[in-house]
N, C-alpha and C. Protein backbone atom coordinates (compact mmCIF):
# COMPACT_ATOMS: atom_id res chain seq x y z
N MET A 1 22.11 -65.21 -38.18
CA MET A 1 22.99 -65.99 -37.39
C MET A 1 24.59 -65.67 -37.55
N HIS A 2 25.12 -65.75 -36.48
CA HIS A 2 26.57 -65.35 -36.39
C HIS A 2 27.24 -66.62 -36.77
N LEU A 3 28.48 -66.70 -37.45
CA LEU A 3 29.02 -68.00 -37.74
C LEU A 3 30.67 -67.82 -37.58
N GLU A 4 31.32 -68.79 -37.49
CA GLU A 4 33.00 -68.83 -37.58
C GLU A 4 33.14 -69.67 -38.73
N SER A 5 34.13 -69.10 -39.49
CA SER A 5 34.50 -69.99 -40.68
C SER A 5 35.96 -70.30 -40.70
N TRP A 6 36.26 -71.68 -40.92
CA TRP A 6 37.67 -72.02 -41.04
C TRP A 6 38.28 -72.09 -42.45
N THR A 7 37.44 -71.53 -43.42
CA THR A 7 38.14 -71.43 -44.72
C THR A 7 39.12 -70.59 -44.71
N ASP A 8 39.96 -70.47 -45.82
CA ASP A 8 40.83 -69.61 -46.00
C ASP A 8 40.71 -68.90 -47.45
N PRO A 9 40.39 -67.75 -47.50
CA PRO A 9 39.88 -66.74 -46.47
C PRO A 9 38.55 -67.18 -45.91
N PRO A 10 38.15 -66.63 -44.71
CA PRO A 10 36.97 -67.10 -44.15
C PRO A 10 35.70 -66.83 -45.01
N ALA A 11 35.52 -65.73 -45.67
CA ALA A 11 34.34 -65.39 -46.61
C ALA A 11 34.13 -66.59 -47.67
N ALA A 12 35.35 -67.23 -47.99
CA ALA A 12 35.15 -68.38 -49.26
C ALA A 12 33.90 -69.28 -48.83
N LEU A 13 33.72 -69.50 -47.63
CA LEU A 13 32.74 -70.33 -47.08
C LEU A 13 31.50 -70.10 -47.94
N PHE A 14 31.09 -68.99 -48.23
CA PHE A 14 30.04 -68.52 -49.19
C PHE A 14 30.04 -69.01 -50.51
N ASP A 15 31.21 -69.39 -51.13
CA ASP A 15 31.47 -69.93 -52.38
C ASP A 15 30.78 -71.18 -52.55
N TYR A 16 30.63 -71.83 -51.56
CA TYR A 16 30.10 -73.40 -51.61
C TYR A 16 28.57 -73.15 -51.45
N PRO A 17 27.87 -73.86 -52.74
CA PRO A 17 26.36 -73.56 -52.80
C PRO A 17 25.51 -74.29 -51.89
N GLY A 18 25.92 -75.72 -51.60
CA GLY A 18 25.13 -76.50 -50.85
C GLY A 18 25.80 -76.74 -49.45
N TRP A 19 25.18 -76.35 -48.34
CA TRP A 19 25.61 -76.52 -47.02
C TRP A 19 24.63 -77.70 -46.40
N GLN A 20 25.44 -78.43 -45.61
CA GLN A 20 24.78 -79.29 -44.70
C GLN A 20 25.01 -78.94 -43.39
N LEU A 21 24.02 -78.77 -42.41
CA LEU A 21 24.35 -78.32 -41.09
C LEU A 21 24.12 -79.51 -40.14
N ARG A 22 25.27 -79.81 -39.52
CA ARG A 22 25.26 -81.06 -38.62
C ARG A 22 25.10 -80.55 -37.12
N THR A 23 24.12 -81.08 -36.45
CA THR A 23 23.82 -80.55 -35.09
C THR A 23 24.79 -81.15 -34.11
N PRO A 24 25.02 -80.84 -32.93
CA PRO A 24 25.77 -81.44 -32.01
C PRO A 24 25.27 -82.94 -31.77
N SER A 25 24.14 -83.23 -32.03
CA SER A 25 23.61 -84.62 -31.93
C SER A 25 24.16 -85.66 -33.14
N GLY A 26 24.38 -84.91 -34.17
CA GLY A 26 24.70 -85.70 -35.26
C GLY A 26 23.74 -85.44 -36.52
N ALA A 27 22.42 -84.91 -36.22
CA ALA A 27 21.61 -84.92 -37.20
C ALA A 27 22.07 -83.83 -38.42
N ARG A 28 21.77 -84.21 -39.52
CA ARG A 28 22.14 -83.34 -40.70
C ARG A 28 20.86 -82.73 -41.54
N THR A 29 20.87 -81.43 -41.83
CA THR A 29 19.90 -80.76 -42.58
C THR A 29 20.46 -80.01 -43.71
N ALA A 30 19.83 -80.10 -44.83
CA ALA A 30 20.53 -79.33 -45.92
C ALA A 30 20.01 -77.76 -45.74
N ALA A 31 20.77 -76.83 -46.12
CA ALA A 31 20.62 -75.38 -45.89
C ALA A 31 21.02 -74.74 -47.11
N VAL A 32 20.16 -73.55 -47.31
CA VAL A 32 20.66 -72.62 -48.52
C VAL A 32 20.71 -71.36 -47.76
N VAL A 33 21.78 -70.58 -48.47
CA VAL A 33 22.21 -69.25 -47.90
C VAL A 33 21.28 -68.24 -48.51
N ALA A 34 20.62 -67.47 -48.01
CA ALA A 34 19.62 -66.48 -48.46
C ALA A 34 20.38 -65.09 -48.64
N ASP A 35 21.33 -64.77 -47.58
CA ASP A 35 22.02 -63.58 -47.49
C ASP A 35 23.14 -63.72 -46.54
N PHE A 36 24.16 -62.86 -46.72
CA PHE A 36 25.11 -63.01 -45.75
C PHE A 36 25.91 -61.59 -45.63
N ARG A 37 26.56 -61.38 -44.61
CA ARG A 37 27.27 -60.11 -44.47
C ARG A 37 28.64 -60.54 -43.77
N THR A 38 29.69 -59.81 -44.19
CA THR A 38 31.12 -59.88 -43.42
C THR A 38 31.47 -58.62 -43.10
N GLY A 39 32.12 -58.40 -41.90
CA GLY A 39 32.50 -57.08 -41.41
C GLY A 39 33.41 -57.20 -40.15
N SER A 40 33.80 -56.17 -39.61
CA SER A 40 34.49 -56.08 -38.50
C SER A 40 33.94 -56.70 -37.09
N GLY A 41 32.62 -56.89 -37.18
CA GLY A 41 31.94 -57.58 -36.07
C GLY A 41 31.68 -59.16 -36.35
N GLY A 42 32.38 -59.55 -37.51
CA GLY A 42 32.24 -61.07 -37.76
C GLY A 42 31.35 -61.25 -38.84
N MET A 43 30.92 -62.37 -39.14
CA MET A 43 30.25 -62.92 -40.43
C MET A 43 28.80 -63.47 -39.80
N THR A 44 27.78 -62.86 -40.64
CA THR A 44 26.46 -63.32 -40.29
C THR A 44 25.78 -63.85 -41.58
N VAL A 45 24.80 -64.69 -41.37
CA VAL A 45 24.25 -65.37 -42.54
C VAL A 45 22.61 -65.51 -42.28
N ARG A 46 21.99 -65.27 -43.22
CA ARG A 46 20.44 -65.72 -43.24
C ARG A 46 20.22 -66.98 -44.26
N LEU A 47 19.58 -67.94 -43.38
CA LEU A 47 19.17 -69.02 -44.27
C LEU A 47 17.91 -69.02 -44.79
N GLU A 48 17.68 -69.62 -46.03
CA GLU A 48 16.14 -69.56 -46.63
C GLU A 48 15.33 -70.27 -45.43
N GLY A 49 14.16 -69.72 -45.30
CA GLY A 49 13.19 -70.17 -44.35
C GLY A 49 13.54 -69.90 -42.94
N VAL A 50 14.40 -69.21 -42.62
CA VAL A 50 14.66 -68.86 -41.24
C VAL A 50 14.70 -67.42 -41.15
N GLU A 51 13.56 -66.83 -40.61
CA GLU A 51 13.21 -65.34 -40.46
C GLU A 51 13.34 -64.91 -39.07
N THR A 52 13.31 -65.61 -38.27
CA THR A 52 13.21 -65.17 -36.75
C THR A 52 14.37 -65.88 -35.75
N ARG A 53 14.56 -65.24 -34.76
CA ARG A 53 15.54 -65.79 -33.97
C ARG A 53 15.13 -67.27 -33.20
N GLU A 54 13.85 -67.28 -33.02
CA GLU A 54 13.24 -68.67 -32.68
C GLU A 54 13.47 -69.69 -33.63
N GLN A 55 13.51 -69.37 -34.92
CA GLN A 55 13.58 -70.17 -35.99
C GLN A 55 15.09 -70.57 -36.17
N ALA A 56 15.93 -69.70 -35.82
CA ALA A 56 17.47 -69.99 -35.83
C ALA A 56 17.99 -70.85 -34.75
N GLU A 57 17.26 -70.94 -33.48
CA GLU A 57 17.67 -71.66 -32.32
C GLU A 57 18.16 -72.99 -32.61
N PRO A 58 17.51 -73.76 -33.31
CA PRO A 58 18.01 -75.31 -33.67
C PRO A 58 19.39 -75.14 -34.20
N TRP A 59 19.87 -74.18 -34.92
CA TRP A 59 21.08 -74.30 -35.59
C TRP A 59 22.30 -73.77 -34.76
N VAL A 60 21.98 -73.44 -33.61
CA VAL A 60 23.09 -72.97 -32.64
C VAL A 60 23.93 -74.05 -32.30
N GLY A 61 25.32 -73.85 -32.45
CA GLY A 61 26.40 -74.88 -32.34
C GLY A 61 26.41 -75.95 -33.34
N CYS A 62 25.86 -75.75 -34.50
CA CYS A 62 25.96 -76.54 -35.52
C CYS A 62 27.35 -76.41 -36.38
N ARG A 63 27.64 -77.48 -37.01
CA ARG A 63 28.88 -77.47 -37.97
C ARG A 63 28.29 -77.32 -39.31
N ILE A 64 28.91 -76.51 -40.27
CA ILE A 64 28.56 -76.32 -41.54
C ILE A 64 29.43 -77.36 -42.33
N GLU A 65 29.04 -78.17 -43.19
CA GLU A 65 29.66 -79.07 -44.02
C GLU A 65 29.26 -79.02 -45.37
N VAL A 66 30.32 -78.97 -46.26
CA VAL A 66 30.07 -79.17 -47.77
C VAL A 66 30.64 -80.42 -48.34
N SER A 67 30.01 -80.79 -49.51
CA SER A 67 30.62 -81.98 -49.96
C SER A 67 32.07 -82.07 -50.41
N ARG A 68 32.69 -83.17 -50.35
CA ARG A 68 34.06 -83.16 -50.71
C ARG A 68 34.18 -82.83 -52.14
N GLU A 69 33.32 -83.17 -52.96
CA GLU A 69 33.51 -82.78 -54.57
C GLU A 69 33.46 -81.28 -54.80
N ALA A 70 32.88 -80.46 -53.87
CA ALA A 70 32.84 -79.04 -53.84
C ALA A 70 34.20 -78.31 -53.55
N LEU A 71 35.15 -79.09 -52.84
CA LEU A 71 36.11 -78.30 -52.32
C LEU A 71 37.41 -78.47 -53.54
N PRO A 72 38.02 -77.26 -53.53
CA PRO A 72 39.18 -77.24 -54.52
C PRO A 72 40.33 -78.26 -54.19
N PRO A 73 41.00 -78.53 -55.34
CA PRO A 73 42.11 -79.52 -55.04
C PRO A 73 43.08 -78.88 -54.16
N THR A 74 43.99 -79.75 -53.56
CA THR A 74 44.89 -79.10 -52.64
C THR A 74 46.27 -78.93 -53.38
N ALA A 75 46.79 -78.10 -53.12
CA ALA A 75 48.37 -77.82 -53.63
C ALA A 75 49.32 -79.00 -53.05
N PRO A 76 50.41 -79.08 -53.67
CA PRO A 76 51.38 -79.90 -53.22
C PRO A 76 51.72 -79.66 -51.80
N GLY A 77 51.97 -80.74 -50.85
CA GLY A 77 52.24 -80.36 -49.49
C GLY A 77 51.06 -79.90 -48.72
N GLU A 78 50.01 -79.78 -49.22
CA GLU A 78 48.64 -79.54 -48.52
C GLU A 78 47.78 -80.71 -48.30
N HIS A 79 46.97 -80.68 -47.41
CA HIS A 79 46.09 -81.80 -47.14
C HIS A 79 44.85 -81.44 -46.39
N TYR A 80 43.68 -81.97 -46.83
CA TYR A 80 42.39 -81.71 -45.90
C TYR A 80 42.61 -82.62 -44.72
N ARG A 81 42.20 -82.02 -43.59
CA ARG A 81 42.13 -82.77 -42.41
C ARG A 81 41.53 -84.12 -42.40
N HIS A 82 40.28 -84.12 -43.13
CA HIS A 82 39.45 -85.25 -43.19
C HIS A 82 40.17 -86.49 -43.87
N ASP A 83 41.05 -86.02 -44.80
CA ASP A 83 41.79 -87.21 -45.61
C ASP A 83 42.75 -87.83 -44.76
N LEU A 84 43.26 -87.24 -43.56
CA LEU A 84 44.25 -87.72 -42.75
C LEU A 84 43.78 -88.57 -41.71
N LEU A 85 42.49 -88.63 -41.34
CA LEU A 85 41.96 -89.50 -40.23
C LEU A 85 42.23 -90.80 -40.61
N GLY A 86 42.81 -91.69 -39.59
CA GLY A 86 42.99 -93.01 -39.85
C GLY A 86 44.26 -93.42 -40.04
N PHE A 87 45.24 -92.24 -40.32
CA PHE A 87 46.69 -92.39 -40.70
C PHE A 87 47.38 -92.95 -39.34
N ARG A 88 48.35 -93.79 -39.45
CA ARG A 88 49.25 -94.20 -38.40
C ARG A 88 50.09 -92.91 -37.98
N VAL A 89 50.27 -92.65 -36.78
CA VAL A 89 51.17 -91.71 -36.48
C VAL A 89 52.50 -92.16 -35.66
N CYS A 90 53.70 -91.83 -35.83
CA CYS A 90 54.84 -92.12 -35.36
C CYS A 90 55.74 -91.17 -35.04
N ASN A 91 56.62 -91.19 -34.23
CA ASN A 91 57.63 -90.05 -33.81
C ASN A 91 58.99 -90.38 -34.93
N LEU A 92 59.97 -89.49 -34.65
CA LEU A 92 61.09 -89.56 -35.50
C LEU A 92 61.85 -90.76 -35.13
N GLU A 93 61.70 -91.26 -33.78
CA GLU A 93 62.53 -92.54 -33.63
C GLU A 93 61.71 -93.66 -33.63
N GLY A 94 60.50 -93.57 -34.52
CA GLY A 94 59.82 -94.69 -34.96
C GLY A 94 58.83 -95.38 -33.88
N ALA A 95 58.59 -94.58 -32.75
CA ALA A 95 57.69 -95.14 -31.89
C ALA A 95 56.08 -94.93 -32.50
N ASP A 96 55.33 -96.01 -32.59
CA ASP A 96 54.11 -96.09 -33.06
C ASP A 96 53.06 -95.48 -31.97
N PHE A 97 52.49 -94.20 -32.24
CA PHE A 97 51.55 -93.68 -31.38
C PHE A 97 50.31 -94.09 -31.43
N GLY A 98 49.84 -94.73 -32.67
CA GLY A 98 48.54 -95.22 -32.92
C GLY A 98 47.96 -94.50 -34.17
N VAL A 99 46.69 -94.17 -34.13
CA VAL A 99 45.95 -93.83 -35.27
C VAL A 99 45.38 -92.47 -34.99
N LEU A 100 45.43 -91.52 -36.08
CA LEU A 100 44.73 -90.23 -35.96
C LEU A 100 43.32 -90.37 -35.85
N GLU A 101 42.71 -89.88 -34.81
CA GLU A 101 41.39 -90.02 -34.71
C GLU A 101 40.51 -88.86 -35.08
N ARG A 102 41.09 -87.60 -34.60
CA ARG A 102 40.41 -86.30 -34.94
C ARG A 102 41.39 -85.37 -34.65
N PHE A 103 40.93 -84.08 -35.13
CA PHE A 103 41.60 -82.72 -34.81
C PHE A 103 40.77 -81.91 -34.00
N GLU A 104 41.44 -81.29 -32.98
CA GLU A 104 40.79 -80.24 -32.06
C GLU A 104 41.43 -78.81 -32.29
N ASP A 105 40.70 -77.88 -32.36
CA ASP A 105 41.11 -76.42 -32.62
C ASP A 105 41.22 -75.83 -31.18
N LEU A 106 42.30 -75.58 -30.77
CA LEU A 106 42.76 -74.93 -29.45
C LEU A 106 43.12 -73.53 -29.61
N PRO A 107 43.12 -72.70 -28.74
CA PRO A 107 43.59 -71.32 -28.95
C PRO A 107 45.14 -71.14 -29.51
N ALA A 108 45.88 -72.06 -28.89
CA ALA A 108 47.22 -71.85 -29.33
C ALA A 108 47.59 -72.41 -30.70
N SER A 109 46.98 -73.64 -30.97
CA SER A 109 47.23 -74.29 -32.43
C SER A 109 46.13 -75.27 -32.39
N ALA A 110 46.03 -75.95 -33.59
CA ALA A 110 45.28 -77.30 -33.65
C ALA A 110 46.07 -78.27 -33.13
N VAL A 111 45.43 -79.54 -32.67
CA VAL A 111 46.23 -80.61 -32.29
C VAL A 111 45.61 -81.84 -32.95
N MET A 112 46.46 -82.91 -33.14
CA MET A 112 45.94 -84.21 -33.55
C MET A 112 45.73 -84.91 -32.49
N VAL A 113 44.49 -85.65 -32.32
CA VAL A 113 44.23 -86.52 -31.27
C VAL A 113 44.57 -87.90 -31.83
N VAL A 114 45.47 -88.55 -31.28
CA VAL A 114 46.06 -89.90 -31.79
C VAL A 114 45.60 -91.05 -30.75
N LYS A 115 45.06 -92.05 -31.01
CA LYS A 115 44.63 -93.07 -30.21
C LYS A 115 45.38 -94.45 -30.48
N GLY A 116 46.06 -94.77 -29.34
CA GLY A 116 46.85 -95.94 -29.44
C GLY A 116 46.79 -96.62 -28.04
N GLU A 117 47.89 -96.96 -27.48
CA GLU A 117 48.03 -97.59 -26.13
C GLU A 117 47.42 -96.57 -25.15
N ARG A 118 47.53 -95.45 -25.50
CA ARG A 118 46.97 -94.34 -24.73
C ARG A 118 46.76 -93.13 -25.82
N GLU A 119 45.98 -92.07 -25.36
CA GLU A 119 45.62 -90.97 -26.21
C GLU A 119 46.69 -89.92 -26.13
N ARG A 120 47.15 -89.36 -27.14
CA ARG A 120 48.20 -88.31 -27.34
C ARG A 120 47.57 -87.05 -27.94
N TRP A 121 47.87 -86.00 -27.44
CA TRP A 121 47.37 -84.62 -28.23
C TRP A 121 48.74 -83.99 -28.88
N VAL A 122 48.88 -84.18 -30.02
CA VAL A 122 50.18 -83.73 -30.68
C VAL A 122 49.73 -82.37 -31.44
N PRO A 123 50.47 -81.24 -31.16
CA PRO A 123 50.22 -80.06 -31.88
C PRO A 123 50.56 -80.13 -33.45
N VAL A 124 49.72 -79.37 -34.20
CA VAL A 124 49.80 -79.43 -35.67
C VAL A 124 50.56 -78.07 -36.03
N THR A 125 51.92 -78.20 -35.86
CA THR A 125 52.70 -77.08 -36.13
C THR A 125 53.92 -77.53 -36.87
N ALA A 126 54.62 -76.53 -37.58
CA ALA A 126 55.71 -76.97 -38.34
C ALA A 126 56.89 -77.55 -37.56
N GLN A 127 56.98 -77.19 -36.43
CA GLN A 127 57.98 -77.73 -35.53
C GLN A 127 57.61 -79.21 -35.17
N HIS A 128 56.35 -79.57 -35.13
CA HIS A 128 56.14 -80.97 -34.69
C HIS A 128 55.67 -81.96 -35.77
N LEU A 129 55.04 -81.36 -36.82
CA LEU A 129 54.63 -82.10 -38.15
C LEU A 129 55.72 -82.15 -38.94
N ARG A 130 56.29 -83.47 -39.08
CA ARG A 130 57.32 -83.59 -39.89
C ARG A 130 57.38 -84.07 -41.20
N GLN A 131 56.34 -85.06 -41.54
CA GLN A 131 56.11 -85.69 -42.74
C GLN A 131 54.71 -86.40 -42.74
N ILE A 132 54.19 -86.29 -43.93
CA ILE A 132 52.85 -86.85 -44.21
C ILE A 132 53.05 -87.63 -45.38
N ASP A 133 52.85 -88.89 -45.37
CA ASP A 133 52.96 -89.79 -46.41
C ASP A 133 51.61 -90.46 -46.82
N PRO A 134 50.86 -89.82 -47.75
CA PRO A 134 49.70 -90.43 -48.06
C PRO A 134 49.66 -91.74 -48.56
N ALA A 135 50.76 -92.14 -49.39
CA ALA A 135 50.80 -93.60 -49.95
C ALA A 135 50.94 -94.66 -48.79
N ALA A 136 51.62 -94.34 -47.81
CA ALA A 136 51.76 -95.20 -46.68
C ALA A 136 50.72 -94.93 -45.48
N ARG A 137 49.97 -93.91 -45.76
CA ARG A 137 48.85 -93.57 -44.68
C ARG A 137 49.53 -93.45 -43.34
N ARG A 138 50.69 -92.51 -43.38
CA ARG A 138 51.69 -92.37 -42.14
C ARG A 138 51.97 -90.88 -42.03
N ILE A 139 51.94 -90.50 -40.71
CA ILE A 139 52.30 -89.18 -40.14
C ILE A 139 53.53 -89.33 -39.40
N VAL A 140 54.60 -88.55 -39.56
CA VAL A 140 55.70 -88.54 -38.58
C VAL A 140 55.85 -87.24 -37.94
N VAL A 141 55.86 -87.24 -36.63
CA VAL A 141 55.87 -86.18 -35.74
C VAL A 141 57.28 -86.19 -34.90
N ASP A 142 57.65 -84.79 -34.61
CA ASP A 142 58.68 -84.64 -33.64
C ASP A 142 58.12 -84.45 -32.23
N TRP A 143 57.76 -85.72 -31.50
CA TRP A 143 57.24 -85.55 -30.39
C TRP A 143 57.65 -86.72 -29.42
N PRO A 144 58.05 -86.48 -28.20
CA PRO A 144 58.53 -87.52 -27.45
C PRO A 144 57.50 -88.66 -27.30
N GLU A 145 57.92 -89.87 -26.91
CA GLU A 145 57.24 -90.89 -26.60
C GLU A 145 56.54 -90.89 -25.45
N ASP A 146 57.19 -90.53 -24.54
CA ASP A 146 56.89 -90.36 -22.97
C ASP A 146 56.18 -89.06 -22.66
N PHE A 147 55.70 -88.27 -23.56
CA PHE A 147 55.23 -87.23 -23.22
C PHE A 147 53.58 -87.33 -23.31
């Protein structure tokens, strides 16, 4: 199966022994990597018990998840996205945009999807993301209130 990795570096995904595969419907299944390859054509993986194209079909579009405990600790100033969900988001002028609901990966950059009186999509870039305060569960962004 071909896969896309968001780890840094991408092949580090194979350092995690226990994968959970989450289907688009939300169902989860444990998976064990039997073999993998990385190269100019991307990354491919073979899971234990999956030998044919037909057996691989149910996993098309799945997300690979690993337990939080398996992840390395973050460096100062780094955060796992999951840890930021539920944080309040406000701009430099103090306008409360609401709560960080999720992240979306778009071609230009990732965006934070913030739900408040309306939904806002704020780019996750150094230009726009100004401060993350884990103790206060707050994120400050440079983003106009009326945009």
